[in-house]
């Protein structure tokens, strides 16, 4: 009987060990396996913007914000009031500026969006924003999914975030976007 109690105590002690570096606002979790799949490179981008250059970016909590040159639309997350859509297009000069920035960060190259593990874990946070990109150049389309769940984003994720912010700054100046209703509420 004493032997069984000793075995049970040892099992409880061993299974009760935990990484004490976690905090309530930055819990350690396993990386979802589906996010570990690498994006395969498709091609390099030509120096000059081709005629068929198009892209879309969906981002935010639940991917409710979007700009899509394929459809010529912008979508704004109104949080408690759903979403609002408007027709919106960019000038050739604006598209060229965006294309040049995409080329400078090599959007068609293989990217690392998942930070390396520390002690077999990666810090994640919730709620978080995600980004989904689709970019077409010379008939080739590449997609990227970037999870904002990671507490420490990779350099590639930071570059795409800066690209998105640059694009969104252009969008926010457009009359069609400014006419959309204001968001109500927030995300916890």
Protein backbone atom coordinates (compact mmCIF):
# COMPACT_ATOMS: atom_id res chain seq x y z
CA UNK A 1 0.00 0.00 0.00
CA UNK A 2 2.82 2.40 0.91
CA UNK A 3 4.41 1.63 -2.43
CA UNK A 4 1.24 2.71 -4.31
CA UNK A 5 0.99 5.94 -2.33
CA UNK A 6 4.64 6.69 -3.13
CA UNK A 7 4.08 6.00 -6.86
CA UNK A 8 0.98 8.25 -6.92
CA UNK A 9 2.83 11.05 -5.11
CA UNK A 10 5.72 10.82 -7.55
CA UNK A 11 3.35 10.95 -10.52
CA UNK A 12 1.60 13.99 -9.08
CA UNK A 13 4.89 15.77 -8.50
CA UNK A 14 6.19 14.97 -11.99
CA UNK A 15 2.96 15.91 -13.79
CA UNK A 16 2.55 19.04 -11.70
CA UNK A 17 5.79 20.61 -12.94
CA UNK A 18 5.08 23.60 -15.13
CA UNK A 19 6.84 26.51 -16.79
CA UNK A 20 6.47 29.30 -14.24
CA UNK A 21 7.49 31.99 -16.75
CA UNK A 22 3.92 32.36 -17.99
CA UNK A 23 1.78 35.31 -17.00
CA UNK A 24 -1.94 35.90 -17.29
CA UNK A 25 -1.56 38.38 -20.14
CA UNK A 26 1.09 36.39 -22.03
CA UNK A 27 0.29 32.68 -21.68
CA UNK A 28 2.51 30.09 -23.32
CA UNK A 29 0.72 27.81 -25.78
CA UNK A 30 1.65 25.33 -28.44
CA UNK A 31 1.87 26.60 -32.02
CA UNK A 32 -1.08 25.38 -34.09
CA UNK A 33 0.32 22.86 -36.57
CA UNK A 34 -1.58 24.34 -39.53
CA UNK A 35 0.28 27.65 -39.08
CA UNK A 36 3.67 25.94 -39.33
CA UNK A 37 3.29 25.15 -43.04
CA UNK A 38 5.77 27.30 -45.00
CA UNK A 39 4.65 29.45 -47.91
CA UNK A 40 6.36 28.25 -51.07
CA UNK A 41 8.02 30.93 -53.20
CA UNK A 42 6.37 31.40 -56.57
CA UNK A 43 8.54 33.95 -58.39
CA UNK A 44 10.42 37.21 -58.12
CA UNK A 45 8.70 40.45 -58.98
CA UNK A 46 9.63 42.32 -62.18
CA UNK A 47 11.18 45.79 -61.85
CA UNK A 48 8.17 47.50 -63.46
CA UNK A 49 4.64 47.03 -62.15
CA UNK A 50 2.82 44.67 -64.56
CA UNK A 51 -0.67 45.38 -65.88
CA UNK A 52 -2.24 42.54 -63.88
CA UNK A 53 -0.87 43.64 -60.47
CA UNK A 54 -3.65 43.17 -57.92
CA UNK A 55 -3.83 42.49 -54.21
CA UNK A 56 -6.16 42.15 -51.29
CA UNK A 57 -5.47 42.39 -47.59
CA UNK A 58 -7.96 41.37 -44.90
CA UNK A 59 -6.95 42.16 -41.34
CA UNK A 60 -8.03 42.85 -37.79
CA UNK A 61 -9.99 40.86 -35.28
CA UNK A 62 -12.02 38.36 -37.35
CA UNK A 63 -10.39 39.84 -40.52
CA UNK A 64 -13.21 42.39 -40.71
CA UNK A 65 -11.14 45.19 -42.31
CA UNK A 66 -10.18 44.77 -45.96
CA UNK A 67 -8.95 46.44 -49.08
CA UNK A 68 -9.31 44.56 -52.35
CA UNK A 69 -8.08 45.83 -55.72
CA UNK A 70 -9.54 42.73 -57.42
CA UNK A 71 -13.04 43.96 -56.53
CA UNK A 72 -12.24 47.67 -56.05
CA UNK A 73 -13.66 47.67 -52.52
CA UNK A 74 -12.80 48.64 -48.97
CA UNK A 75 -14.40 47.11 -45.87
CA UNK A 76 -14.37 48.78 -42.47
CA UNK A 77 -14.97 46.95 -39.20
CA UNK A 78 -17.68 48.80 -37.26
CA UNK A 79 -17.28 46.34 -34.35
CA UNK A 80 -20.72 46.37 -32.66
CA UNK A 81 -22.42 47.58 -35.86
CA UNK A 82 -21.02 44.95 -38.23
CA UNK A 83 -19.06 46.09 -41.29
CA UNK A 84 -19.44 48.77 -43.95
CA UNK A 85 -18.34 48.50 -47.59
CA UNK A 86 -17.50 51.08 -50.24
CA UNK A 87 -16.18 51.10 -53.79
CA UNK A 88 -12.62 52.41 -53.80
CA UNK A 89 -9.77 52.39 -56.28
CA UNK A 90 -6.20 53.60 -56.23
CA UNK A 91 -4.34 55.76 -58.72
CA UNK A 92 -1.53 54.31 -60.82
CA UNK A 93 0.93 56.35 -58.74
CA UNK A 94 -0.44 54.84 -55.48
CA UNK A 95 -0.39 51.31 -56.93
CA UNK A 96 3.19 51.81 -58.10
CA UNK A 97 4.21 52.99 -54.62
CA UNK A 98 2.61 49.88 -53.09
CA UNK A 99 4.11 47.58 -55.74
CA UNK A 100 7.59 49.02 -55.12
CA UNK A 101 7.22 48.45 -51.38
CA UNK A 102 6.04 44.87 -51.94
CA UNK A 103 9.02 44.29 -54.21
CA UNK A 104 11.41 45.74 -51.60
CA UNK A 105 10.22 43.27 -48.94
CA UNK A 106 10.16 40.36 -51.43
CA UNK A 107 6.51 39.38 -50.90
CA UNK A 108 6.88 36.41 -53.27
CA UNK A 109 9.77 34.92 -51.27
CA UNK A 110 9.29 32.28 -48.60
CA UNK A 111 8.49 34.01 -45.29
CA UNK A 112 8.75 33.14 -41.61
CA UNK A 113 5.67 34.31 -39.74
CA UNK A 114 6.00 32.03 -36.73
CA UNK A 115 8.59 33.02 -34.12
CA UNK A 116 11.00 30.38 -32.87
CA UNK A 117 10.03 28.31 -29.86
CA UNK A 118 11.61 28.93 -26.50
CA UNK A 119 11.50 25.87 -24.23
CA UNK A 120 9.14 24.23 -26.76
CA UNK A 121 6.56 27.03 -26.48
CA UNK A 122 5.73 30.32 -28.13
CA UNK A 123 4.00 33.17 -26.33
CA UNK A 124 0.54 33.92 -27.72
CA UNK A 125 -2.08 36.52 -26.90
CA UNK A 126 -5.84 36.83 -27.30
CA UNK A 127 -7.71 38.70 -28.68
CA UNK A 128 -5.44 39.31 -31.64
CA UNK A 129 -5.50 40.58 -35.20
CA UNK A 130 -4.72 38.41 -38.20
CA UNK A 131 -3.80 39.31 -41.78
CA UNK A 132 -4.57 37.49 -45.01
CA UNK A 133 -2.87 38.65 -48.19
CA UNK A 134 -3.44 37.69 -51.81
CA UNK A 135 -1.07 39.24 -54.36
CA UNK A 136 -1.10 38.70 -58.13
CA UNK A 137 1.79 39.57 -60.45
CA UNK A 138 2.20 38.32 -64.04
CA UNK A 139 -0.54 35.72 -63.61
CA UNK A 140 1.00 34.26 -60.44
CA UNK A 141 -0.85 34.62 -57.13
CA UNK A 142 0.64 34.09 -53.70
CA UNK A 143 -1.21 34.12 -50.39
CA UNK A 144 0.09 34.75 -46.90
CA UNK A 145 -1.65 34.27 -43.56
CA UNK A 146 -0.08 36.12 -40.66
CA UNK A 147 -1.35 35.44 -37.18
CA UNK A 148 -1.20 38.32 -34.73
CA UNK A 149 -1.48 35.86 -31.88
CA UNK A 150 2.26 35.80 -31.30
CA UNK A 151 3.54 38.17 -28.62
CA UNK A 152 6.80 38.70 -30.51
CA UNK A 153 6.20 38.86 -34.28
CA UNK A 154 8.94 37.88 -36.70
CA UNK A 155 10.74 40.43 -38.89
CA UNK A 156 8.72 39.20 -41.90
CA UNK A 157 5.45 39.74 -40.01
CA UNK A 158 6.60 43.24 -39.00
CA UNK A 159 7.38 44.09 -42.65
CA UNK A 160 3.90 43.03 -43.77
CA UNK A 161 2.37 45.03 -40.91
CA UNK A 162 4.27 48.13 -42.04
CA UNK A 163 3.15 47.50 -45.63
CA UNK A 164 -0.46 47.18 -44.47
CA UNK A 165 -0.18 50.37 -42.42
CA UNK A 166 1.21 52.23 -45.44
CA UNK A 167 -1.66 51.01 -47.63
CA UNK A 168 -4.26 51.80 -44.97
CA UNK A 169 -2.88 55.35 -44.58
CA UNK A 170 -3.56 55.85 -48.31
CA UNK A 171 -7.07 54.36 -47.96
CA UNK A 172 -8.01 56.50 -44.97
CA UNK A 173 -7.41 59.69 -47.01
CA UNK A 174 -9.88 58.63 -49.70
CA UNK A 175 -13.31 60.27 -49.77
CA UNK A 176 -15.12 56.91 -50.10
CA UNK A 177 -13.50 55.63 -46.90
CA UNK A 178 -14.09 58.84 -44.95
CA UNK A 179 -17.82 58.59 -45.73
CA UNK A 180 -18.09 55.22 -43.97
CA UNK A 181 -19.65 55.24 -40.47
CA UNK A 182 -17.51 55.32 -37.34
CA UNK A 183 -16.89 52.12 -35.42
CA UNK A 184 -18.78 51.58 -32.17
CA UNK A 185 -17.35 49.56 -29.27
CA UNK A 186 -14.09 47.66 -29.04
CA UNK A 187 -12.49 44.27 -28.62
CA UNK A 188 -11.45 42.94 -25.22
